[in-house]
Amino acid sequence: MDLSTGINSENFKTKEICLAPMLDVTTANFRRFVRLTSEHTILFTELIVANTVIHIDKEKLIERLGDIDERTVVQIGGSDVNEIVNAICVLKDVGCKHFNLNVGCPSTRVQKGCFGAVLMKNKELISEIINSVYKKCDIVLSLKIRTGVDNYDTYEFFRDFVHFLVKNTPVKKFYVHARKCWLLGLSPKQNRNIPPLNYSFVYKIKEEFPHVLFILNGGLKKIADFNKLFCNNNLTLDGIMIGREAIKNILVFRSFENYLHESSQDTIFSVVKKYLNKFELSKPITFRILNPLQNILHGQKGTKKWKIFLNESVHKKKLTVSDFIDEIESLGLSDI
């Protein structure tokens, strides 16, 4: 029991702690590192467009997906029913088991493909997608949504959207970014900050649909935030999803693993070595390999020195993964 908040972590263990899907962030390598720090976190892939899945070389697809386990969710983007069905069939064949449909991304590029947040204006099409995937692939899609889009931002719109899908499809789980978005006039970055957070819509929808799972996304950064959130909401929500905070502090999930599951924790650099040892040791060091390690010392002494070291390492010719592991020892940080 955390006496400062009154939260009992035993009650929280059943709640999902999720890494949000983020383009150019939740890559195979990023997820690989997070998994080494947290056994229980639900890891979302980057958004993968259905049409891309269908046409990409199988080996390239497997490389892009990386390690897929029971707690990995592949996020699909698209609006063509047949393409989405075919894409999920392909992904099932390479070992993927859990899938999420993106109905929350407001970017112009995504809108041009007629998917993402614009789909919230077409719940009938979403219903057709969910039902077709269920019928032909035996998969129940979860949805990543907003609380509203453009001027469709009342609770009544949000409730009717959820009610229609719960009534007409087998959908059981919604990941809700608790703010509306504007399809025109705001960039994706602005849509993550300018529309105000509206947790009350998510609390209320859970009360109305207690048998449906709702995972809250937006503005949550640390354990204290979650304790406050779930105390105030009597633990009725089903989990939380962390996005941008994970870019600044990739070890945030390590903190939750320790807090909720009291797991024994390796030192940070023991985890780094485990991560690096998953690559071919003679392989040259690249930005893609080192990028997930940028902020492992977030808020700690030595972070500036570490980032300089990473930058210099990327530009060293013929530096291998094995060489890099050896050089870590010379920094005097290996006991952190």
C-alpha atoms as a PDB file:
ATOM      1  CA  MET A   1       0.000   0.000   0.000  1.00  0.00           C
ATOM      2  CA  ASP A   2       1.220   3.467  -0.916  1.00  0.00           C
ATOM      3  CA  LEU A   3       0.214   5.423   2.198  1.00  0.00           C
ATOM      4  CA  SER A   4       0.608   8.768   0.458  1.00  0.00           C
ATOM      5  CA  THR A   5      -2.163   7.955  -2.012  1.00  0.00           C
ATOM      6  CA  GLY A   6      -4.171   5.090  -0.576  1.00  0.00           C
ATOM      7  CA  ILE A   7      -3.699   2.979  -3.694  1.00  0.00           C
ATOM      8  CA  ASN A   8      -3.115  -0.721  -3.309  1.00  0.00           C
ATOM      9  CA  SER A   9      -1.000  -1.967  -6.195  1.00  0.00           C
ATOM     10  CA  GLU A  10      -2.663  -5.394  -5.901  1.00  0.00           C
ATOM     11  CA  ASN A  11      -5.864  -3.814  -7.226  1.00  0.00           C
ATOM     12  CA  PHE A  12      -3.933  -2.206 -10.049  1.00  0.00           C
ATOM     13  CA  LYS A  13      -2.191  -5.355 -11.300  1.00  0.00           C
ATOM     14  CA  THR A  14      -5.118  -6.276 -13.527  1.00  0.00           C
ATOM     15  CA  LYS A  15      -5.022  -2.892 -15.263  1.00  0.00           C
ATOM     16  CA  GLU A  16      -3.305  -2.619 -18.643  1.00  0.00           C
ATOM     17  CA  ILE A  17      -0.170  -0.498 -18.811  1.00  0.00           C
ATOM     18  CA  CYS A  18       0.410   0.205 -22.502  1.00  0.00           C
ATOM     19  CA  LEU A  19       3.025   1.742 -24.753  1.00  0.00           C
ATOM     20  CA  ALA A  20       1.103   3.854 -27.269  1.00  0.00           C
ATOM     21  CA  PRO A  21       1.607   3.370 -31.012  1.00  0.00           C
ATOM     22  CA  MET A  22       3.833   6.186 -32.327  1.00  0.00           C
ATOM     23  CA  LEU A  23       5.205   6.577 -35.840  1.00  0.00           C
ATOM     24  CA  ASP A  24       9.005   6.439 -35.994  1.00  0.00           C
ATOM     25  CA  VAL A  25       9.090   5.720 -32.244  1.00  0.00           C
ATOM     26  CA  THR A  26       7.622   2.325 -31.371  1.00  0.00           C
ATOM     27  CA  THR A  27       9.920   0.553 -33.787  1.00  0.00           C
ATOM     28  CA  ALA A  28      10.980  -3.054 -33.374  1.00  0.00           C
ATOM     29  CA  ASN A  29      14.129  -1.954 -31.514  1.00  0.00           C
ATOM     30  CA  PHE A  30      12.305   0.481 -29.215  1.00  0.00           C
ATOM     31  CA  ARG A  31       9.786  -2.203 -28.253  1.00  0.00           C
ATOM     32  CA  ARG A  32      12.541  -4.762 -27.793  1.00  0.00           C
ATOM     33  CA  PHE A  33      14.237  -2.543 -25.220  1.00  0.00           C
ATOM     34  CA  VAL A  34      10.992  -1.763 -23.384  1.00  0.00           C
ATOM     35  CA  ARG A  35      10.165  -5.455 -23.173  1.00  0.00           C
ATOM     36  CA  LEU A  36      13.499  -6.145 -21.486  1.00  0.00           C
ATOM     37  CA  THR A  37      12.540  -3.633 -18.783  1.00  0.00           C
ATOM     38  CA  SER A  38       8.917  -4.681 -18.383  1.00  0.00           C
ATOM     39  CA  GLU A  39       7.401  -8.116 -18.820  1.00  0.00           C
ATOM     40  CA  HIS A  40       3.797  -6.974 -18.416  1.00  0.00           C
ATOM     41  CA  THR A  41       3.560  -3.812 -20.536  1.00  0.00           C
ATOM     42  CA  ILE A  42       1.313  -4.043 -23.608  1.00  0.00           C
ATOM     43  CA  LEU A  43       3.449  -2.937 -26.564  1.00  0.00           C
ATOM     44  CA  PHE A  44       1.860  -1.326 -29.621  1.00  0.00           C
ATOM     45  CA  THR A  45       3.666  -1.319 -32.936  1.00  0.00           C
ATOM     46  CA  GLU A  46       3.870   1.744 -35.109  1.00  0.00           C
ATOM     47  CA  LEU A  47       0.831   2.258 -37.318  1.00  0.00           C
ATOM     48  CA  ILE A  48       1.123  -0.106 -40.286  1.00  0.00           C
ATOM     49  CA  VAL A  49      -1.020   0.669 -43.319  1.00  0.00           C
ATOM     50  CA  ALA A  50      -3.002  -2.335 -44.533  1.00  0.00           C
ATOM     51  CA  ASN A  51      -1.992  -1.784 -48.148  1.00  0.00           C
ATOM     52  CA  THR A  52       1.678  -1.819 -47.131  1.00  0.00           C
ATOM     53  CA  VAL A  53       1.288  -5.137 -45.321  1.00  0.00           C
ATOM     54  CA  ILE A  54      -0.217  -6.728 -48.415  1.00  0.00           C
ATOM     55  CA  HIS A  55       2.522  -5.602 -50.794  1.00  0.00           C
ATOM     56  CA  ILE A  56       5.693  -5.538 -48.689  1.00  0.00           C
ATOM     57  CA  ASP A  57       8.210  -8.373 -48.952  1.00  0.00           C
ATOM     58  CA  LYS A  58       7.561 -10.933 -46.215  1.00  0.00           C
ATOM     59  CA  GLU A  59      11.098 -10.753 -44.814  1.00  0.00           C
ATOM     60  CA  LYS A  60      10.920  -6.953 -44.644  1.00  0.00           C
ATOM     61  CA  LEU A  61       7.561  -7.187 -42.875  1.00  0.00           C
ATOM     62  CA  ILE A  62       8.965  -9.581 -40.282  1.00  0.00           C
ATOM     63  CA  GLU A  63      11.963  -7.290 -39.765  1.00  0.00           C
ATOM     64  CA  ARG A  64       9.708  -4.278 -39.324  1.00  0.00           C
ATOM     65  CA  LEU A  65       7.496  -6.076 -36.828  1.00  0.00           C
ATOM     66  CA  GLY A  66      10.412  -7.371 -34.779  1.00  0.00           C
ATOM     67  CA  ASP A  67       9.695  -9.492 -31.716  1.00  0.00           C
ATOM     68  CA  ILE A  68       5.969 -10.235 -31.452  1.00  0.00           C
ATOM     69  CA  ASP A  69       4.785 -11.808 -28.218  1.00  0.00           C
ATOM     70  CA  GLU A  70       1.481 -12.345 -26.403  1.00  0.00           C
ATOM     71  CA  ARG A  71       1.522  -8.743 -25.168  1.00  0.00           C
ATOM     72  CA  THR A  72       2.189  -7.086 -28.518  1.00  0.00           C
ATOM     73  CA  VAL A  73      -0.583  -5.346 -30.464  1.00  0.00           C
ATOM     74  CA  VAL A  74      -0.227  -4.529 -34.157  1.00  0.00           C
ATOM     75  CA  GLN A  75      -1.943  -1.271 -35.074  1.00  0.00           C
ATOM     76  CA  ILE A  76      -3.530  -1.266 -38.528  1.00  0.00           C
ATOM     77  CA  GLY A  77      -4.477   1.764 -40.605  1.00  0.00           C
ATOM     78  CA  GLY A  78      -6.910   1.690 -43.484  1.00  0.00           C
ATOM     79  CA  SER A  79     -10.499   2.092 -44.600  1.00  0.00           C
ATOM     80  CA  ASP A  80     -10.799  -0.527 -47.338  1.00  0.00           C
ATOM     81  CA  VAL A  81     -12.493  -3.537 -45.772  1.00  0.00           C
ATOM     82  CA  ASN A  82     -10.921  -6.154 -48.041  1.00  0.00           C
ATOM     83  CA  GLU A  83      -7.430  -4.678 -47.680  1.00  0.00           C
ATOM     84  CA  ILE A  84      -7.674  -4.734 -43.890  1.00  0.00           C
ATOM     85  CA  VAL A  85      -8.957  -8.315 -43.870  1.00  0.00           C
ATOM     86  CA  ASN A  86      -6.168  -9.445 -46.203  1.00  0.00           C
ATOM     87  CA  ALA A  87      -3.535  -7.575 -44.196  1.00  0.00           C
ATOM     88  CA  ILE A  88      -4.593  -9.215 -40.953  1.00  0.00           C
ATOM     89  CA  CYS A  89      -4.517 -12.633 -42.628  1.00  0.00           C
ATOM     90  CA  VAL A  90      -0.913 -11.928 -43.672  1.00  0.00           C
ATOM     91  CA  LEU A  91      -0.002 -10.724 -40.185  1.00  0.00           C
ATOM     92  CA  LYS A  92      -1.588 -13.766 -38.555  1.00  0.00           C
ATOM     93  CA  ASP A  93       0.535 -15.985 -40.784  1.00  0.00           C
ATOM     94  CA  VAL A  94       3.720 -14.414 -39.379  1.00  0.00           C
ATOM     95  CA  GLY A  95       2.627 -14.869 -35.768  1.00  0.00           C
ATOM     96  CA  CYS A  96       0.678 -11.726 -34.824  1.00  0.00           C
ATOM     97  CA  LYS A  97      -2.342 -12.300 -32.578  1.00  0.00           C
ATOM     98  CA  HIS A  98      -3.664  -8.939 -31.417  1.00  0.00           C
ATOM     99  CA  PHE A  99      -4.759  -6.055 -33.635  1.00  0.00           C
ATOM    100  CA  ASN A 100      -5.940  -2.481 -33.183  1.00  0.00           C
ATOM    101  CA  LEU A 101      -7.632  -0.236 -35.752  1.00  0.00           C
ATOM    102  CA  ASN A 102      -6.425   3.374 -35.807  1.00  0.00           C
ATOM    103  CA  VAL A 103      -9.437   5.683 -35.526  1.00  0.00           C
ATOM    104  CA  GLY A 104      -7.616   8.525 -33.800  1.00  0.00           C
ATOM    105  CA  CYS A 105      -4.733   9.843 -35.912  1.00  0.00           C
ATOM    106  CA  PRO A 106      -5.518  13.316 -37.324  1.00  0.00           C
ATOM    107  CA  SER A 107      -2.536  13.757 -39.670  1.00  0.00           C
ATOM    108  CA  THR A 108      -3.144  15.052 -43.184  1.00  0.00           C
ATOM    109  CA  ARG A 109      -1.319  12.073 -44.686  1.00  0.00           C
ATOM    110  CA  VAL A 110      -3.570   9.641 -42.846  1.00  0.00           C
ATOM    111  CA  GLN A 111      -6.690  11.617 -43.780  1.00  0.00           C
ATOM    112  CA  LYS A 112      -5.755  11.351 -47.460  1.00  0.00           C
ATOM    113  CA  GLY A 113      -5.940   7.595 -47.026  1.00  0.00           C
ATOM    114  CA  CYS A 114      -9.430   8.047 -45.533  1.00  0.00           C
ATOM    115  CA  PHE A 115      -8.485   6.475 -42.229  1.00  0.00           C
ATOM    116  CA  GLY A 116      -7.503   7.536 -38.728  1.00  0.00           C
ATOM    117  CA  ALA A 117      -9.652  10.065 -36.860  1.00  0.00           C
ATOM    118  CA  VAL A 118     -11.750  10.869 -39.927  1.00  0.00           C
ATOM    119  CA  LEU A 119     -13.314   7.412 -39.523  1.00  0.00           C
ATOM    120  CA  MET A 120     -15.055   8.597 -36.347  1.00  0.00           C
ATOM    121  CA  LYS A 121     -17.481  10.321 -38.715  1.00  0.00           C
ATOM    122  CA  ASN A 122     -18.318   6.973 -40.315  1.00  0.00           C
ATOM    123  CA  LYS A 123     -19.151   4.478 -37.601  1.00  0.00           C
ATOM    124  CA  GLU A 124     -20.971   2.302 -40.132  1.00  0.00           C
ATOM    125  CA  LEU A 125     -17.737   1.684 -42.042  1.00  0.00           C
ATOM    126  CA  ILE A 126     -15.892   0.938 -38.800  1.00  0.00           C
ATOM    127  CA  SER A 127     -18.625  -1.567 -37.982  1.00  0.00           C
ATOM    128  CA  GLU A 128     -18.213  -3.234 -41.372  1.00  0.00           C
ATOM    129  CA  ILE A 129     -14.444  -3.472 -40.896  1.00  0.00           C
ATOM    130  CA  ILE A 130     -14.725  -4.990 -37.414  1.00  0.00           C
ATOM    131  CA  ASN A 131     -17.371  -7.512 -38.453  1.00  0.00           C
ATOM    132  CA  SER A 132     -15.543  -8.547 -41.625  1.00  0.00           C
ATOM    133  CA  VAL A 133     -12.281  -9.095 -39.756  1.00  0.00           C
ATOM    134  CA  TYR A 134     -14.116 -11.120 -37.121  1.00  0.00           C
ATOM    135  CA  LYS A 135     -15.947 -13.235 -39.700  1.00  0.00           C
ATOM    136  CA  LYS A 136     -12.992 -13.933 -41.976  1.00  0.00           C
ATOM    137  CA  CYS A 137     -10.028 -13.863 -39.571  1.00  0.00           C
ATOM    138  CA  ASP A 138     -11.619 -14.805 -36.223  1.00  0.00           C
ATOM    139  CA  ILE A 139     -10.059 -11.658 -34.731  1.00  0.00           C
ATOM    140  CA  VAL A 140     -11.829  -9.006 -32.656  1.00  0.00           C
ATOM    141  CA  LEU A 141     -10.213  -5.649 -33.350  1.00  0.00           C
ATOM    142  CA  SER A 142      -9.734  -3.135 -30.576  1.00  0.00           C
ATOM    143  CA  LEU A 143     -10.070   0.565 -31.436  1.00  0.00           C
ATOM    144  CA  LYS A 144      -7.830   3.576 -30.751  1.00  0.00           C
ATOM    145  CA  ILE A 145     -10.137   6.605 -30.749  1.00  0.00           C
ATOM    146  CA  ARG A 146     -10.554  10.231 -29.673  1.00  0.00           C
ATOM    147  CA  THR A 147     -13.425  11.666 -27.615  1.00  0.00           C
ATOM    148  CA  GLY A 148     -14.521  13.694 -30.635  1.00  0.00           C
ATOM    149  CA  VAL A 149     -13.519  15.116 -33.989  1.00  0.00           C
ATOM    150  CA  ASP A 150     -13.977  18.653 -35.339  1.00  0.00           C
ATOM    151  CA  ASN A 151     -17.364  19.982 -34.183  1.00  0.00           C
ATOM    152  CA  TYR A 152     -18.549  16.493 -33.305  1.00  0.00           C
ATOM    153  CA  ASP A 153     -17.338  16.892 -29.750  1.00  0.00           C
ATOM    154  CA  THR A 154     -20.301  16.478 -27.409  1.00  0.00           C
ATOM    155  CA  TYR A 155     -20.634  13.612 -24.963  1.00  0.00           C
ATOM    156  CA  GLU A 156     -23.745  12.552 -26.870  1.00  0.00           C
ATOM    157  CA  PHE A 157     -21.689  12.083 -30.061  1.00  0.00           C
ATOM    158  CA  PHE A 158     -19.026  10.124 -28.162  1.00  0.00           C
ATOM    159  CA  ARG A 159     -21.614   7.959 -26.429  1.00  0.00           C
ATOM    160  CA  ASP A 160     -23.573   7.278 -29.620  1.00  0.00           C
ATOM    161  CA  PHE A 161     -20.346   6.304 -31.397  1.00  0.00           C
ATOM    162  CA  VAL A 162     -19.410   3.788 -28.703  1.00  0.00           C
ATOM    163  CA  HIS A 163     -22.970   2.506 -28.302  1.00  0.00           C
ATOM    164  CA  PHE A 164     -23.390   1.857 -32.027  1.00  0.00           C
ATOM    165  CA  LEU A 165     -20.196  -0.180 -32.226  1.00  0.00           C
ATOM    166  CA  VAL A 166     -20.816  -2.123 -29.024  1.00  0.00           C
ATOM    167  CA  LYS A 167     -24.341  -2.940 -30.204  1.00  0.00           C
ATOM    168  CA  ASN A 168     -23.456  -3.901 -33.779  1.00  0.00           C
ATOM    169  CA  THR A 169     -20.004  -5.508 -33.509  1.00  0.00           C
ATOM    170  CA  PRO A 170     -18.068  -7.807 -31.161  1.00  0.00           C
ATOM    171  CA  VAL A 171     -15.692  -4.961 -30.177  1.00  0.00           C
ATOM    172  CA  LYS A 172     -14.743  -5.189 -26.514  1.00  0.00           C
ATOM    173  CA  LYS A 173     -11.952  -2.683 -26.025  1.00  0.00           C
ATOM    174  CA  PHE A 174     -11.409   1.026 -26.694  1.00  0.00           C
ATOM    175  CA  TYR A 175      -8.143   2.901 -26.170  1.00  0.00           C
ATOM    176  CA  VAL A 176      -9.308   6.490 -25.720  1.00  0.00           C
ATOM    177  CA  HIS A 177      -7.100   9.538 -26.226  1.00  0.00           C
ATOM    178  CA  ALA A 178      -9.066  11.791 -23.902  1.00  0.00           C
ATOM    179  CA  ARG A 179      -9.203  14.856 -26.113  1.00  0.00           C
ATOM    180  CA  LYS A 180     -10.916  15.731 -29.380  1.00  0.00           C
ATOM    181  CA  CYS A 181      -8.952  16.517 -32.523  1.00  0.00           C
ATOM    182  CA  TRP A 182      -9.258  18.956 -35.389  1.00  0.00           C
ATOM    183  CA  LEU A 183      -8.759  17.489 -38.847  1.00  0.00           C
ATOM    184  CA  LEU A 184      -7.988  20.913 -40.310  1.00  0.00           C
ATOM    185  CA  GLY A 185      -6.003  23.779 -38.815  1.00  0.00           C
ATOM    186  CA  LEU A 186      -3.912  21.850 -36.294  1.00  0.00           C
ATOM    187  CA  SER A 187      -0.847  19.677 -36.828  1.00  0.00           C
ATOM    188  CA  PRO A 188      -0.629  16.228 -35.202  1.00  0.00           C
ATOM    189  CA  LYS A 189       1.644  17.756 -32.536  1.00  0.00           C
ATOM    190  CA  GLN A 190      -0.854  20.542 -31.834  1.00  0.00           C
ATOM    191  CA  ASN A 191      -3.667  17.980 -31.687  1.00  0.00           C
ATOM    192  CA  ARG A 192      -1.781  16.276 -28.855  1.00  0.00           C
ATOM    193  CA  ASN A 193      -1.689  19.460 -26.793  1.00  0.00           C
ATOM    194  CA  ILE A 194      -4.134  22.210 -27.781  1.00  0.00           C
ATOM    195  CA  PRO A 195      -7.512  20.456 -27.438  1.00  0.00           C
ATOM    196  CA  PRO A 196      -7.997  20.145 -23.659  1.00  0.00           C
ATOM    197  CA  LEU A 197      -7.949  16.796 -21.925  1.00  0.00           C
ATOM    198  CA  ASN A 198     -11.413  15.542 -21.063  1.00  0.00           C
ATOM    199  CA  TYR A 199     -11.111  12.621 -18.681  1.00  0.00           C
ATOM    200  CA  SER A 200     -14.734  13.064 -17.579  1.00  0.00           C
ATOM    201  CA  PHE A 201     -16.012  11.683 -20.903  1.00  0.00           C
ATOM    202  CA  VAL A 202     -13.981   8.519 -20.377  1.00  0.00           C
ATOM    203  CA  TYR A 203     -15.120   8.103 -16.769  1.00  0.00           C
ATOM    204  CA  LYS A 204     -18.734   8.522 -17.815  1.00  0.00           C
ATOM    205  CA  ILE A 205     -18.582   6.152 -20.789  1.00  0.00           C
ATOM    206  CA  LYS A 206     -17.133   3.441 -18.550  1.00  0.00           C
ATOM    207  CA  GLU A 207     -20.015   3.914 -16.124  1.00  0.00           C
ATOM    208  CA  GLU A 208     -22.519   3.505 -18.953  1.00  0.00           C
ATOM    209  CA  PHE A 209     -20.758   0.493 -20.485  1.00  0.00           C
ATOM    210  CA  PRO A 210     -19.180  -1.341 -17.529  1.00  0.00           C
ATOM    211  CA  HIS A 211     -18.789  -4.571 -19.520  1.00  0.00           C
ATOM    212  CA  VAL A 212     -16.607  -2.841 -22.145  1.00  0.00           C
ATOM    213  CA  LEU A 213     -12.885  -2.202 -21.569  1.00  0.00           C
ATOM    214  CA  PHE A 214     -11.692   1.419 -21.701  1.00  0.00           C
ATOM    215  CA  ILE A 215      -7.994   2.298 -21.495  1.00  0.00           C
ATOM    216  CA  LEU A 216      -7.183   5.977 -20.932  1.00  0.00           C
ATOM    217  CA  ASN A 217      -4.549   7.812 -22.984  1.00  0.00           C
ATOM    218  CA  GLY A 218      -3.409  11.422 -22.732  1.00  0.00           C
ATOM    219  CA  GLY A 219      -1.360  13.471 -20.289  1.00  0.00           C
ATOM    220  CA  LEU A 220      -0.305  10.628 -17.988  1.00  0.00           C
ATOM    221  CA  LYS A 221       3.379  10.556 -17.103  1.00  0.00           C
ATOM    222  CA  LYS A 222       4.193   8.977 -13.764  1.00  0.00           C
ATOM    223  CA  ILE A 223       2.981   6.635 -11.066  1.00  0.00           C
ATOM    224  CA  ALA A 224       1.660   9.498  -8.928  1.00  0.00           C
ATOM    225  CA  ASP A 225      -0.593  10.581 -11.816  1.00  0.00           C
ATOM    226  CA  PHE A 226      -2.063   7.104 -12.101  1.00  0.00           C
ATOM    227  CA  ASN A 227      -2.571   6.766  -8.366  1.00  0.00           C
ATOM    228  CA  LYS A 228      -4.475  10.040  -8.315  1.00  0.00           C
ATOM    229  CA  LEU A 229      -6.444   9.095 -11.412  1.00  0.00           C
ATOM    230  CA  PHE A 230      -7.570   5.703 -10.197  1.00  0.00           C
ATOM    231  CA  CYS A 231      -8.298   6.871  -6.651  1.00  0.00           C
ATOM    232  CA  ASN A 232     -10.599   9.568  -8.006  1.00  0.00           C
ATOM    233  CA  ASN A 233     -12.235   7.125 -10.388  1.00  0.00           C
ATOM    234  CA  ASN A 234     -12.566   4.226  -7.966  1.00  0.00           C
ATOM    235  CA  LEU A 235     -10.484   1.993 -10.231  1.00  0.00           C
ATOM    236  CA  THR A 236     -13.316   1.537 -12.756  1.00  0.00           C
ATOM    237  CA  LEU A 237     -11.171   2.202 -15.832  1.00  0.00           C
ATOM    238  CA  ASP A 238      -9.271  -0.741 -17.258  1.00  0.00           C
ATOM    239  CA  GLY A 239      -5.816   0.703 -17.794  1.00  0.00           C
ATOM    240  CA  ILE A 240      -3.667   3.493 -19.085  1.00  0.00           C
ATOM    241  CA  MET A 241      -1.636   4.157 -22.209  1.00  0.00           C
ATOM    242  CA  ILE A 242       1.620   6.130 -22.167  1.00  0.00           C
ATOM    243  CA  GLY A 243       2.857   7.871 -25.295  1.00  0.00           C
ATOM    244  CA  ARG A 244       5.159  10.881 -25.465  1.00  0.00           C
ATOM    245  CA  GLU A 245       6.494  10.412 -21.949  1.00  0.00           C
ATOM    246  CA  ALA A 246       8.086   7.157 -23.123  1.00  0.00           C
ATOM    247  CA  ILE A 247      10.171   9.113 -25.631  1.00  0.00           C
ATOM    248  CA  LYS A 248      11.585  11.276 -22.841  1.00  0.00           C
ATOM    249  CA  ASN A 249      11.875   8.423 -20.378  1.00  0.00           C
ATOM    250  CA  ILE A 250      11.860   4.948 -21.898  1.00  0.00           C
ATOM    251  CA  LEU A 251      12.315   3.485 -18.405  1.00  0.00           C
ATOM    252  CA  VAL A 252       8.873   4.668 -17.262  1.00  0.00           C
ATOM    253  CA  PHE A 253       7.582   1.127 -17.822  1.00  0.00           C
ATOM    254  CA  ARG A 254      10.410  -0.267 -15.714  1.00  0.00           C
ATOM    255  CA  SER A 255       9.091   1.886 -12.861  1.00  0.00           C
ATOM    256  CA  PHE A 256       5.604   0.426 -13.249  1.00  0.00           C
ATOM    257  CA  GLU A 257       6.956  -3.114 -13.431  1.00  0.00           C
ATOM    258  CA  ASN A 258       8.685  -2.623 -10.106  1.00  0.00           C
ATOM    259  CA  TYR A 259       5.751  -0.796  -8.514  1.00  0.00           C
ATOM    260  CA  LEU A 260       3.012  -3.197  -9.555  1.00  0.00           C
ATOM    261  CA  HIS A 261       4.800  -6.525  -9.776  1.00  0.00           C
ATOM    262  CA  GLU A 262       7.770  -6.027  -7.438  1.00  0.00           C
ATOM    263  CA  SER A 263      10.013  -7.698  -9.970  1.00  0.00           C
ATOM    264  CA  SER A 264      13.734  -7.911  -9.363  1.00  0.00           C
ATOM    265  CA  GLN A 265      15.398  -5.336 -11.566  1.00  0.00           C
ATOM    266  CA  ASP A 266      18.699  -5.523 -13.393  1.00  0.00           C
ATOM    267  CA  THR A 267      20.860  -2.425 -13.501  1.00  0.00           C
ATOM    268  CA  ILE A 268      20.140  -0.162 -16.454  1.00  0.00           C
ATOM    269  CA  PHE A 269      23.363  -1.143 -18.155  1.00  0.00           C
ATOM    270  CA  SER A 270      22.713  -4.833 -17.649  1.00  0.00           C
ATOM    271  CA  VAL A 271      19.519  -4.284 -19.622  1.00  0.00           C
ATOM    272  CA  VAL A 272      21.462  -2.344 -22.261  1.00  0.00           C
ATOM    273  CA  LYS A 273      23.852  -5.264 -22.678  1.00  0.00           C
ATOM    274  CA  LYS A 274      20.989  -7.753 -22.964  1.00  0.00           C
ATOM    275  CA  TYR A 275      19.449  -5.546 -25.629  1.00  0.00           C
ATOM    276  CA  LEU A 276      22.684  -5.248 -27.585  1.00  0.00           C
ATOM    277  CA  ASN A 277      23.416  -8.954 -27.332  1.00  0.00           C
ATOM    278  CA  LYS A 278      20.239  -9.640 -29.292  1.00  0.00           C
ATOM    279  CA  PHE A 279      21.980  -8.212 -32.360  1.00  0.00           C
ATOM    280  CA  GLU A 280      24.753  -9.872 -34.310  1.00  0.00           C
ATOM    281  CA  LEU A 281      27.850  -8.786 -32.370  1.00  0.00           C
ATOM    282  CA  SER A 282      29.893  -8.212 -35.511  1.00  0.00           C
ATOM    283  CA  LYS A 283      27.184  -5.942 -36.926  1.00  0.00           C
ATOM    284  CA  PRO A 284      28.172  -2.253 -37.289  1.00  0.00           C
ATOM    285  CA  ILE A 285      26.615   0.116 -34.763  1.00  0.00           C
ATOM    286  CA  THR A 286      23.837   2.195 -36.331  1.00  0.00           C
ATOM    287  CA  PHE A 287      21.474   4.951 -35.266  1.00  0.00           C
ATOM    288  CA  ARG A 288      18.562   2.513 -35.406  1.00  0.00           C
ATOM    289  CA  ILE A 289      20.242   0.275 -32.861  1.00  0.00           C
ATOM    290  CA  LEU A 290      21.238   3.068 -30.478  1.00  0.00           C
ATOM    291  CA  ASN A 291      18.207   5.340 -30.775  1.00  0.00           C
ATOM    292  CA  PRO A 292      16.148   3.592 -28.054  1.00  0.00           C
ATOM    293  CA  LEU A 293      19.044   4.161 -25.636  1.00  0.00           C
ATOM    294  CA  GLN A 294      19.067   7.963 -25.926  1.00  0.00           C
ATOM    295  CA  ASN A 295      17.163   8.683 -22.704  1.00  0.00           C
ATOM    296  CA  ILE A 296      17.966   5.744 -20.462  1.00  0.00           C
ATOM    297  CA  LEU A 297      19.577   8.140 -17.964  1.00  0.00           C
ATOM    298  CA  HIS A 298      16.629  10.544 -17.948  1.00  0.00           C
ATOM    299  CA  GLY A 299      16.883  12.760 -14.885  1.00  0.00           C
ATOM    300  CA  GLN A 300      20.135  11.187 -13.731  1.00  0.00           C
ATOM    301  CA  LYS A 301      23.720  12.307 -13.477  1.00  0.00           C
ATOM    302  CA  GLY A 302      25.705  11.384 -16.571  1.00  0.00           C
ATOM    303  CA  THR A 303      22.927  11.745 -19.145  1.00  0.00           C
ATOM    304  CA  LYS A 304      24.763  14.430 -21.162  1.00  0.00           C
ATOM    305  CA  LYS A 305      27.950  12.369 -21.214  1.00  0.00           C
ATOM    306  CA  TRP A 306      25.964   9.328 -22.322  1.00  0.00           C
ATOM    307  CA  LYS A 307      24.273  11.127 -25.226  1.00  0.00           C
ATOM    308  CA  ILE A 308      27.594  12.497 -26.459  1.00  0.00           C
ATOM    309  CA  PHE A 309      29.005   8.985 -26.298  1.00  0.00           C
ATOM    310  CA  LEU A 310      26.092   7.606 -28.358  1.00  0.00           C
ATOM    311  CA  ASN A 311      26.450  10.317 -30.985  1.00  0.00           C
ATOM    312  CA  GLU A 312      30.181   9.755 -31.311  1.00  0.00           C
ATOM    313  CA  SER A 313      29.693   5.993 -31.512  1.00  0.00           C
ATOM    314  CA  VAL A 314      27.281   6.243 -34.447  1.00  0.00           C
ATOM    315  CA  HIS A 315      29.886   8.173 -36.429  1.00  0.00           C
ATOM    316  CA  LYS A 316      32.814   5.884 -35.660  1.00  0.00           C
ATOM    317  CA  LYS A 317      33.768   3.822 -38.668  1.00  0.00           C
ATOM    318  CA  LYS A 318      33.876   0.051 -38.237  1.00  0.00           C
ATOM    319  CA  LEU A 319      32.570   0.179 -34.636  1.00  0.00           C
ATOM    320  CA  THR A 320      30.709  -3.075 -34.039  1.00  0.00           C
ATOM    321  CA  VAL A 321      28.075  -3.959 -31.480  1.00  0.00           C
ATOM    322  CA  SER A 322      30.714  -5.951 -29.620  1.00  0.00           C
ATOM    323  CA  ASP A 323      33.083  -2.969 -29.617  1.00  0.00           C
ATOM    324  CA  PHE A 324      30.334  -0.723 -28.315  1.00  0.00           C
ATOM    325  CA  ILE A 325      29.589  -3.065 -25.415  1.00  0.00           C
ATOM    326  CA  ASP A 326      33.269  -3.006 -24.478  1.00  0.00           C
ATOM    327  CA  GLU A 327      33.366   0.790 -24.621  1.00  0.00           C
ATOM    328  CA  ILE A 328      30.426   1.137 -22.228  1.00  0.00           C
ATOM    329  CA  GLU A 329      32.682  -0.122 -19.462  1.00  0.00           C
ATOM    330  CA  SER A 330      35.120   2.729 -20.041  1.00  0.00           C
ATOM    331  CA  LEU A 331      32.458   5.327 -19.199  1.00  0.00           C
ATOM    332  CA  GLY A 332      32.222   4.321 -15.583  1.00  0.00           C
ATOM    333  CA  LEU A 333      28.430   4.049 -15.869  1.00  0.00           C
ATOM    334  CA  SER A 334      28.062   0.284 -15.967  1.00  0.00           C
ATOM    335  CA  ASP A 335      26.955   0.003 -12.342  1.00  0.00           C
ATOM    336  CA  ILE A 336      23.902   2.287 -12.765  1.00  0.00           C
END
